Amino acid sequence: MRKGLNLSNPGEVASRIDAEIRALPVQNTPSVRAIRRKYSQQLRQAEPEYVLAVARELLETHGQRWVAYELIRHHRGAFERVGELELEALGQGINSWWSVDSFARTLAGPAWLKGQVPDGLIHRWASSEDVWWRRVALVSTVALNVRSHGGHGDVPRTLAVCRLLVADREDMVVKALSWALRELVVHDPDAVRAFLEENEGVLAARVKREVRNKLRTGLKNPKLESG
């Protein structure tokens, strides 16, 4: 570990991070991320298990979910240790759109993209009774298709998850289904059109409207986004 962080107890490091965040005059994404980046740099040479322990303390003791996920994601060794058991533990307690999307976009989706977890795990989440885990399954497909995440487009795996949730009417799931399909448009618009036609009688109206807008104009809501 670099000089300046001579703490052997991961709990102490987590407490220090939490204290710095709480002391911020304004807590917003840039200011909190600046603290996370500082500690990512200081923990750059730390063992993966140590970083995972710090992240678990941040999550379980301090409720700093997003920071915990980013700390793992930005430590190569720690992120590479994330598999099925780690993801399910780190995802415990997700209960809002922001906690779901942070988990899915920062950890679950990228780990799936890198082959660290199997398709079956994502499909099991898609079949969960918990609406938030069903949303995780769909949002995890974003990493497969967003170039900034390293995705290059994965029609089969994306549509396999979409098919599992095509008839779901929970609002958070409907919105995520639209999102998943819209991210796939840039890679294979014909596959998305075929999916819409195949499921015309089952898909929620919102999904059909937004995805067709994306196919036609490149925007989800062209009137709103141009106004």
C-alpha atoms as a PDB file:
ATOM      1  CA  MET A   1       0.000   0.000   0.000  1.00  0.00           C
ATOM      2  CA  ARG A   2       1.182   3.528  -0.684  1.00  0.00           C
ATOM      3  CA  LYS A   3       2.508   5.751   2.062  1.00  0.00           C
ATOM      4  CA  GLY A   4      -0.092   7.894   3.747  1.00  0.00           C
ATOM      5  CA  LEU A   5      -2.532   5.070   4.374  1.00  0.00           C
ATOM      6  CA  ASN A   6      -0.825   3.026   7.070  1.00  0.00           C
ATOM      7  CA  LEU A   7      -3.983   1.375   8.344  1.00  0.00           C
ATOM      8  CA  SER A   8      -4.054  -2.397   8.577  1.00  0.00           C
ATOM      9  CA  ASN A   9      -7.729  -2.526   9.504  1.00  0.00           C
ATOM     10  CA  PRO A  10     -10.074  -2.205   6.473  1.00  0.00           C
ATOM     11  CA  GLY A  11     -12.767  -0.895   8.799  1.00  0.00           C
ATOM     12  CA  GLU A  12     -10.606   2.099   9.693  1.00  0.00           C
ATOM     13  CA  VAL A  13     -10.033   2.936   6.045  1.00  0.00           C
ATOM     14  CA  ALA A  14     -13.761   2.661   5.358  1.00  0.00           C
ATOM     15  CA  SER A  15     -14.504   4.913   8.338  1.00  0.00           C
ATOM     16  CA  ARG A  16     -12.031   7.497   7.066  1.00  0.00           C
ATOM     17  CA  ILE A  17     -13.626   7.490   3.602  1.00  0.00           C
ATOM     18  CA  ASP A  18     -17.101   7.800   5.101  1.00  0.00           C
ATOM     19  CA  ALA A  19     -16.026  10.661   7.372  1.00  0.00           C
ATOM     20  CA  GLU A  20     -14.540  12.603   4.462  1.00  0.00           C
ATOM     21  CA  ILE A  21     -17.705  12.169   2.428  1.00  0.00           C
ATOM     22  CA  ARG A  22     -19.927  13.287   5.307  1.00  0.00           C
ATOM     23  CA  ALA A  23     -17.720  16.335   5.888  1.00  0.00           C
ATOM     24  CA  LEU A  24     -18.222  17.595   2.342  1.00  0.00           C
ATOM     25  CA  PRO A  25     -20.082  20.930   2.281  1.00  0.00           C
ATOM     26  CA  VAL A  26     -21.936  19.669  -0.792  1.00  0.00           C
ATOM     27  CA  GLN A  27     -22.316  15.971  -1.464  1.00  0.00           C
ATOM     28  CA  ASN A  28     -22.711  15.439  -5.187  1.00  0.00           C
ATOM     29  CA  THR A  29     -21.306  13.030  -7.730  1.00  0.00           C
ATOM     30  CA  PRO A  30     -18.144  15.019  -8.575  1.00  0.00           C
ATOM     31  CA  SER A  31     -17.219  15.765  -4.962  1.00  0.00           C
ATOM     32  CA  VAL A  32     -17.828  12.224  -3.710  1.00  0.00           C
ATOM     33  CA  ARG A  33     -16.065  10.723  -6.720  1.00  0.00           C
ATOM     34  CA  ALA A  34     -13.024  12.906  -6.027  1.00  0.00           C
ATOM     35  CA  ILE A  35     -12.701  11.264  -2.610  1.00  0.00           C
ATOM     36  CA  ARG A  36     -13.172   7.810  -4.106  1.00  0.00           C
ATOM     37  CA  ARG A  37     -10.470   8.532  -6.692  1.00  0.00           C
ATOM     38  CA  LYS A  38      -8.067   9.665  -3.985  1.00  0.00           C
ATOM     39  CA  TYR A  39      -8.520   6.413  -2.097  1.00  0.00           C
ATOM     40  CA  SER A  40      -8.406   4.328  -5.265  1.00  0.00           C
ATOM     41  CA  GLN A  41      -4.977   5.830  -5.888  1.00  0.00           C
ATOM     42  CA  GLN A  42      -3.832   5.181  -2.335  1.00  0.00           C
ATOM     43  CA  LEU A  43      -5.133   1.592  -2.491  1.00  0.00           C
ATOM     44  CA  ARG A  44      -3.701   0.937  -5.945  1.00  0.00           C
ATOM     45  CA  GLN A  45      -1.050  -1.474  -4.628  1.00  0.00           C
ATOM     46  CA  ALA A  46      -3.286  -3.046  -1.982  1.00  0.00           C
ATOM     47  CA  GLU A  47      -4.183  -6.728  -2.127  1.00  0.00           C
ATOM     48  CA  PRO A  48      -7.550  -7.423  -3.807  1.00  0.00           C
ATOM     49  CA  GLU A  49      -9.003  -9.005  -0.671  1.00  0.00           C
ATOM     50  CA  TYR A  50      -8.109  -5.906   1.336  1.00  0.00           C
ATOM     51  CA  VAL A  51      -9.926  -3.629  -1.131  1.00  0.00           C
ATOM     52  CA  LEU A  52     -12.941  -5.942  -1.112  1.00  0.00           C
ATOM     53  CA  ALA A  53     -12.954  -5.812   2.687  1.00  0.00           C
ATOM     54  CA  VAL A  54     -12.877  -2.007   2.654  1.00  0.00           C
ATOM     55  CA  ALA A  55     -15.764  -1.995   0.175  1.00  0.00           C
ATOM     56  CA  ARG A  56     -17.812  -4.376   2.289  1.00  0.00           C
ATOM     57  CA  GLU A  57     -17.303  -2.138   5.325  1.00  0.00           C
ATOM     58  CA  LEU A  58     -18.350   0.920   3.318  1.00  0.00           C
ATOM     59  CA  LEU A  59     -21.489  -0.864   2.202  1.00  0.00           C
ATOM     60  CA  GLU A  60     -22.524  -2.757   5.315  1.00  0.00           C
ATOM     61  CA  THR A  61     -21.426  -0.350   8.056  1.00  0.00           C
ATOM     62  CA  HIS A  62     -21.683   3.067   6.443  1.00  0.00           C
ATOM     63  CA  GLY A  63     -24.252   2.630   3.667  1.00  0.00           C
ATOM     64  CA  GLN A  64     -21.853   4.045   1.072  1.00  0.00           C
ATOM     65  CA  ARG A  65     -23.082   1.693  -1.641  1.00  0.00           C
ATOM     66  CA  TRP A  66     -22.030   3.587  -4.758  1.00  0.00           C
ATOM     67  CA  VAL A  67     -18.566   4.384  -3.404  1.00  0.00           C
ATOM     68  CA  ALA A  68     -18.065   0.748  -2.407  1.00  0.00           C
ATOM     69  CA  TYR A  69     -18.940  -0.420  -5.913  1.00  0.00           C
ATOM     70  CA  GLU A  70     -16.672   2.126  -7.576  1.00  0.00           C
ATOM     71  CA  LEU A  71     -13.779   1.282  -5.256  1.00  0.00           C
ATOM     72  CA  ILE A  72     -13.985  -2.335  -6.426  1.00  0.00           C
ATOM     73  CA  ARG A  73     -14.515  -1.480 -10.078  1.00  0.00           C
ATOM     74  CA  HIS A  74     -11.443   0.745 -10.177  1.00  0.00           C
ATOM     75  CA  HIS A  75      -9.097  -1.781  -8.566  1.00  0.00           C
ATOM     76  CA  ARG A  76      -8.270  -4.324 -11.217  1.00  0.00           C
ATOM     77  CA  GLY A  77      -7.424  -7.158  -8.862  1.00  0.00           C
ATOM     78  CA  ALA A  78     -10.477  -6.635  -6.660  1.00  0.00           C
ATOM     79  CA  PHE A  79     -12.829  -6.451  -9.629  1.00  0.00           C
ATOM     80  CA  GLU A  80     -11.387  -9.649 -11.089  1.00  0.00           C
ATOM     81  CA  ARG A  81     -12.242 -11.420  -7.817  1.00  0.00           C
ATOM     82  CA  VAL A  82     -15.915 -10.593  -8.235  1.00  0.00           C
ATOM     83  CA  GLY A  83     -17.904 -13.688  -9.103  1.00  0.00           C
ATOM     84  CA  GLU A  84     -21.391 -15.005  -8.442  1.00  0.00           C
ATOM     85  CA  LEU A  85     -21.134 -15.189  -4.642  1.00  0.00           C
ATOM     86  CA  GLU A  86     -19.522 -11.760  -4.342  1.00  0.00           C
ATOM     87  CA  LEU A  87     -22.123 -10.116  -6.577  1.00  0.00           C
ATOM     88  CA  GLU A  88     -25.052 -11.559  -4.682  1.00  0.00           C
ATOM     89  CA  ALA A  89     -23.556 -10.406  -1.389  1.00  0.00           C
ATOM     90  CA  LEU A  90     -22.764  -6.917  -2.687  1.00  0.00           C
ATOM     91  CA  GLY A  91     -26.254  -6.595  -4.144  1.00  0.00           C
ATOM     92  CA  GLN A  92     -28.051  -7.317  -0.893  1.00  0.00           C
ATOM     93  CA  GLY A  93     -30.339  -4.448   0.107  1.00  0.00           C
ATOM     94  CA  ILE A  94     -30.869  -2.915  -3.323  1.00  0.00           C
ATOM     95  CA  ASN A  95     -34.284  -1.275  -3.137  1.00  0.00           C
ATOM     96  CA  SER A  96     -34.351   1.728  -5.476  1.00  0.00           C
ATOM     97  CA  TRP A  97     -33.629   2.585  -9.077  1.00  0.00           C
ATOM     98  CA  TRP A  98     -30.343   4.311  -8.171  1.00  0.00           C
ATOM     99  CA  SER A  99     -29.011   1.415  -6.063  1.00  0.00           C
ATOM    100  CA  VAL A 100     -29.985  -1.084  -8.751  1.00  0.00           C
ATOM    101  CA  ASP A 101     -28.455   0.907 -11.579  1.00  0.00           C
ATOM    102  CA  SER A 102     -25.252   1.587  -9.631  1.00  0.00           C
ATOM    103  CA  PHE A 103     -24.869  -2.122  -8.889  1.00  0.00           C
ATOM    104  CA  ALA A 104     -25.770  -3.305 -12.388  1.00  0.00           C
ATOM    105  CA  ARG A 105     -23.760  -0.733 -14.335  1.00  0.00           C
ATOM    106  CA  THR A 106     -20.700  -0.636 -12.084  1.00  0.00           C
ATOM    107  CA  LEU A 107     -20.317  -4.297 -11.103  1.00  0.00           C
ATOM    108  CA  ALA A 108     -22.847  -6.843 -12.338  1.00  0.00           C
ATOM    109  CA  GLY A 109     -22.940  -5.901 -16.012  1.00  0.00           C
ATOM    110  CA  PRO A 110     -19.170  -5.444 -16.390  1.00  0.00           C
ATOM    111  CA  ALA A 111     -18.490  -8.730 -14.548  1.00  0.00           C
ATOM    112  CA  TRP A 112     -20.919 -10.506 -16.899  1.00  0.00           C
ATOM    113  CA  LEU A 113     -19.303  -8.845 -19.909  1.00  0.00           C
ATOM    114  CA  LYS A 114     -15.877 -10.087 -18.760  1.00  0.00           C
ATOM    115  CA  GLY A 115     -17.144 -13.651 -18.345  1.00  0.00           C
ATOM    116  CA  GLN A 116     -16.773 -13.640 -14.557  1.00  0.00           C
ATOM    117  CA  VAL A 117     -20.368 -14.777 -14.015  1.00  0.00           C
ATOM    118  CA  PRO A 118     -22.550 -17.074 -16.136  1.00  0.00           C
ATOM    119  CA  ASP A 119     -25.645 -16.188 -18.127  1.00  0.00           C
ATOM    120  CA  GLY A 120     -27.624 -18.393 -15.747  1.00  0.00           C
ATOM    121  CA  LEU A 121     -27.069 -15.974 -12.866  1.00  0.00           C
ATOM    122  CA  ILE A 122     -28.564 -13.084 -14.827  1.00  0.00           C
ATOM    123  CA  HIS A 123     -31.474 -15.275 -15.931  1.00  0.00           C
ATOM    124  CA  ARG A 124     -32.110 -16.288 -12.315  1.00  0.00           C
ATOM    125  CA  TRP A 125     -32.290 -12.626 -11.344  1.00  0.00           C
ATOM    126  CA  ALA A 126     -34.717 -12.032 -14.229  1.00  0.00           C
ATOM    127  CA  SER A 127     -36.979 -14.690 -12.714  1.00  0.00           C
ATOM    128  CA  SER A 128     -36.820 -13.258  -9.191  1.00  0.00           C
ATOM    129  CA  GLU A 129     -39.956 -12.306  -7.278  1.00  0.00           C
ATOM    130  CA  ASP A 130     -38.131  -9.099  -6.307  1.00  0.00           C
ATOM    131  CA  VAL A 131     -38.729  -6.326  -8.852  1.00  0.00           C
ATOM    132  CA  TRP A 132     -35.349  -4.788  -8.137  1.00  0.00           C
ATOM    133  CA  TRP A 133     -33.425  -7.950  -9.056  1.00  0.00           C
ATOM    134  CA  ARG A 134     -35.465  -8.240 -12.240  1.00  0.00           C
ATOM    135  CA  ARG A 135     -34.399  -4.687 -13.096  1.00  0.00           C
ATOM    136  CA  VAL A 136     -30.774  -5.618 -12.317  1.00  0.00           C
ATOM    137  CA  ALA A 137     -30.956  -8.367 -14.938  1.00  0.00           C
ATOM    138  CA  LEU A 138     -32.053  -5.937 -17.642  1.00  0.00           C
ATOM    139  CA  VAL A 139     -29.713  -3.090 -16.687  1.00  0.00           C
ATOM    140  CA  SER A 140     -26.811  -5.558 -16.638  1.00  0.00           C
ATOM    141  CA  THR A 141     -27.275  -5.976 -20.398  1.00  0.00           C
ATOM    142  CA  VAL A 142     -26.290  -2.315 -20.867  1.00  0.00           C
ATOM    143  CA  ALA A 143     -22.624  -3.210 -20.313  1.00  0.00           C
ATOM    144  CA  LEU A 144     -22.819  -5.673 -23.207  1.00  0.00           C
ATOM    145  CA  ASN A 145     -23.816  -2.925 -25.617  1.00  0.00           C
ATOM    146  CA  VAL A 146     -22.359   0.382 -24.431  1.00  0.00           C
ATOM    147  CA  ARG A 147     -18.973   1.039 -25.979  1.00  0.00           C
ATOM    148  CA  SER A 148     -17.803   3.151 -23.047  1.00  0.00           C
ATOM    149  CA  HIS A 149     -18.177   0.006 -20.903  1.00  0.00           C
ATOM    150  CA  GLY A 150     -16.234  -2.075 -23.404  1.00  0.00           C
ATOM    151  CA  GLY A 151     -19.359  -3.587 -24.916  1.00  0.00           C
ATOM    152  CA  HIS A 152     -19.419  -4.409 -28.594  1.00  0.00           C
ATOM    153  CA  GLY A 153     -23.044  -5.487 -28.951  1.00  0.00           C
ATOM    154  CA  ASP A 154     -24.428  -8.829 -27.848  1.00  0.00           C
ATOM    155  CA  VAL A 155     -27.772  -9.539 -29.473  1.00  0.00           C
ATOM    156  CA  PRO A 156     -28.299 -13.121 -28.231  1.00  0.00           C
ATOM    157  CA  ARG A 157     -27.579 -12.490 -24.567  1.00  0.00           C
ATOM    158  CA  THR A 158     -29.440  -9.158 -24.466  1.00  0.00           C
ATOM    159  CA  LEU A 159     -32.574 -10.509 -26.122  1.00  0.00           C
ATOM    160  CA  ALA A 160     -32.523 -13.663 -24.004  1.00  0.00           C
ATOM    161  CA  VAL A 161     -32.951 -11.510 -20.881  1.00  0.00           C
ATOM    162  CA  CYS A 162     -35.511  -9.266 -22.595  1.00  0.00           C
ATOM    163  CA  ARG A 163     -37.607 -12.316 -23.526  1.00  0.00           C
ATOM    164  CA  LEU A 164     -37.729 -13.413 -19.891  1.00  0.00           C
ATOM    165  CA  LEU A 165     -39.260 -10.070 -18.900  1.00  0.00           C
ATOM    166  CA  VAL A 166     -41.216  -9.153 -22.013  1.00  0.00           C
ATOM    167  CA  ALA A 167     -44.592  -9.338 -20.254  1.00  0.00           C
ATOM    168  CA  ASP A 168     -43.542  -7.757 -16.943  1.00  0.00           C
ATOM    169  CA  ARG A 169     -45.629  -4.692 -16.105  1.00  0.00           C
ATOM    170  CA  GLU A 170     -43.741  -3.334 -13.100  1.00  0.00           C
ATOM    171  CA  ASP A 171     -42.796   0.227 -14.004  1.00  0.00           C
ATOM    172  CA  MET A 172     -39.118  -0.110 -13.086  1.00  0.00           C
ATOM    173  CA  VAL A 173     -38.863  -3.251 -15.215  1.00  0.00           C
ATOM    174  CA  VAL A 174     -40.725  -1.732 -18.166  1.00  0.00           C
ATOM    175  CA  LYS A 175     -38.360   1.249 -18.177  1.00  0.00           C
ATOM    176  CA  ALA A 176     -35.321  -1.038 -17.971  1.00  0.00           C
ATOM    177  CA  LEU A 177     -36.614  -3.207 -20.822  1.00  0.00           C
ATOM    178  CA  SER A 178     -36.935  -0.121 -23.008  1.00  0.00           C
ATOM    179  CA  TRP A 179     -33.413   0.921 -22.025  1.00  0.00           C
ATOM    180  CA  ALA A 180     -31.930  -2.501 -22.796  1.00  0.00           C
ATOM    181  CA  LEU A 181     -33.511  -2.601 -26.251  1.00  0.00           C
ATOM    182  CA  ARG A 182     -32.552   0.992 -27.074  1.00  0.00           C
ATOM    183  CA  GLU A 183     -28.903   0.307 -26.263  1.00  0.00           C
ATOM    184  CA  LEU A 184     -29.009  -2.599 -28.708  1.00  0.00           C
ATOM    185  CA  VAL A 185     -30.380  -0.461 -31.554  1.00  0.00           C
ATOM    186  CA  VAL A 186     -26.974   0.972 -32.455  1.00  0.00           C
ATOM    187  CA  HIS A 187     -25.549  -2.517 -32.973  1.00  0.00           C
ATOM    188  CA  ASP A 188     -28.407  -4.369 -34.677  1.00  0.00           C
ATOM    189  CA  PRO A 189     -31.549  -2.354 -35.417  1.00  0.00           C
ATOM    190  CA  ASP A 190     -33.014  -5.194 -37.499  1.00  0.00           C
ATOM    191  CA  ALA A 191     -32.841  -7.588 -34.551  1.00  0.00           C
ATOM    192  CA  VAL A 192     -34.600  -5.043 -32.359  1.00  0.00           C
ATOM    193  CA  ARG A 193     -37.325  -4.479 -34.984  1.00  0.00           C
ATOM    194  CA  ALA A 194     -37.849  -8.226 -35.236  1.00  0.00           C
ATOM    195  CA  PHE A 195     -38.112  -8.475 -31.447  1.00  0.00           C
ATOM    196  CA  LEU A 196     -40.766  -5.738 -31.391  1.00  0.00           C
ATOM    197  CA  GLU A 197     -42.765  -7.459 -34.120  1.00  0.00           C
ATOM    198  CA  GLU A 198     -42.467 -10.866 -32.452  1.00  0.00           C
ATOM    199  CA  ASN A 199     -43.746  -9.473 -29.141  1.00  0.00           C
ATOM    200  CA  GLU A 200     -46.150  -6.798 -30.429  1.00  0.00           C
ATOM    201  CA  GLY A 201     -49.084  -8.126 -28.447  1.00  0.00           C
ATOM    202  CA  VAL A 202     -47.166  -8.543 -25.186  1.00  0.00           C
ATOM    203  CA  LEU A 203     -44.834  -5.555 -24.826  1.00  0.00           C
ATOM    204  CA  ALA A 204     -45.877  -2.536 -22.775  1.00  0.00           C
ATOM    205  CA  ALA A 205     -46.897   0.494 -24.844  1.00  0.00           C
ATOM    206  CA  ARG A 206     -44.038   2.529 -23.354  1.00  0.00           C
ATOM    207  CA  VAL A 207     -41.443   0.043 -24.586  1.00  0.00           C
ATOM    208  CA  LYS A 208     -42.856  -0.027 -28.120  1.00  0.00           C
ATOM    209  CA  ARG A 209     -43.096   3.766 -28.299  1.00  0.00           C
ATOM    210  CA  GLU A 210     -39.644   4.553 -26.957  1.00  0.00           C
ATOM    211  CA  VAL A 211     -37.812   1.841 -28.868  1.00  0.00           C
ATOM    212  CA  ARG A 212     -39.549   2.727 -32.147  1.00  0.00           C
ATOM    213  CA  ASN A 213     -38.678   6.373 -31.574  1.00  0.00           C
ATOM    214  CA  LYS A 214     -35.059   5.323 -31.116  1.00  0.00           C
ATOM    215  CA  LEU A 215     -35.142   3.249 -34.296  1.00  0.00           C
ATOM    216  CA  ARG A 216     -36.728   6.062 -36.286  1.00  0.00           C
ATOM    217  CA  THR A 217     -35.021   9.175 -34.912  1.00  0.00           C
ATOM    218  CA  GLY A 218     -32.158   8.058 -32.691  1.00  0.00           C
ATOM    219  CA  LEU A 219     -33.940   9.535 -29.659  1.00  0.00           C
ATOM    220  CA  LYS A 220     -36.176   8.025 -26.987  1.00  0.00           C
ATOM    221  CA  ASN A 221     -38.569  10.989 -26.887  1.00  0.00           C
ATOM    222  CA  PRO A 222     -37.771  13.193 -29.901  1.00  0.00           C
ATOM    223  CA  LYS A 223     -40.290  15.950 -29.067  1.00  0.00           C
ATOM    224  CA  LEU A 224     -39.006  16.340 -25.513  1.00  0.00           C
ATOM    225  CA  GLU A 225     -35.340  16.053 -26.433  1.00  0.00           C
ATOM    226  CA  SER A 226     -35.553  18.597 -29.209  1.00  0.00           C
ATOM    227  CA  GLY A 227     -37.533  21.156 -27.253  1.00  0.00           C
END
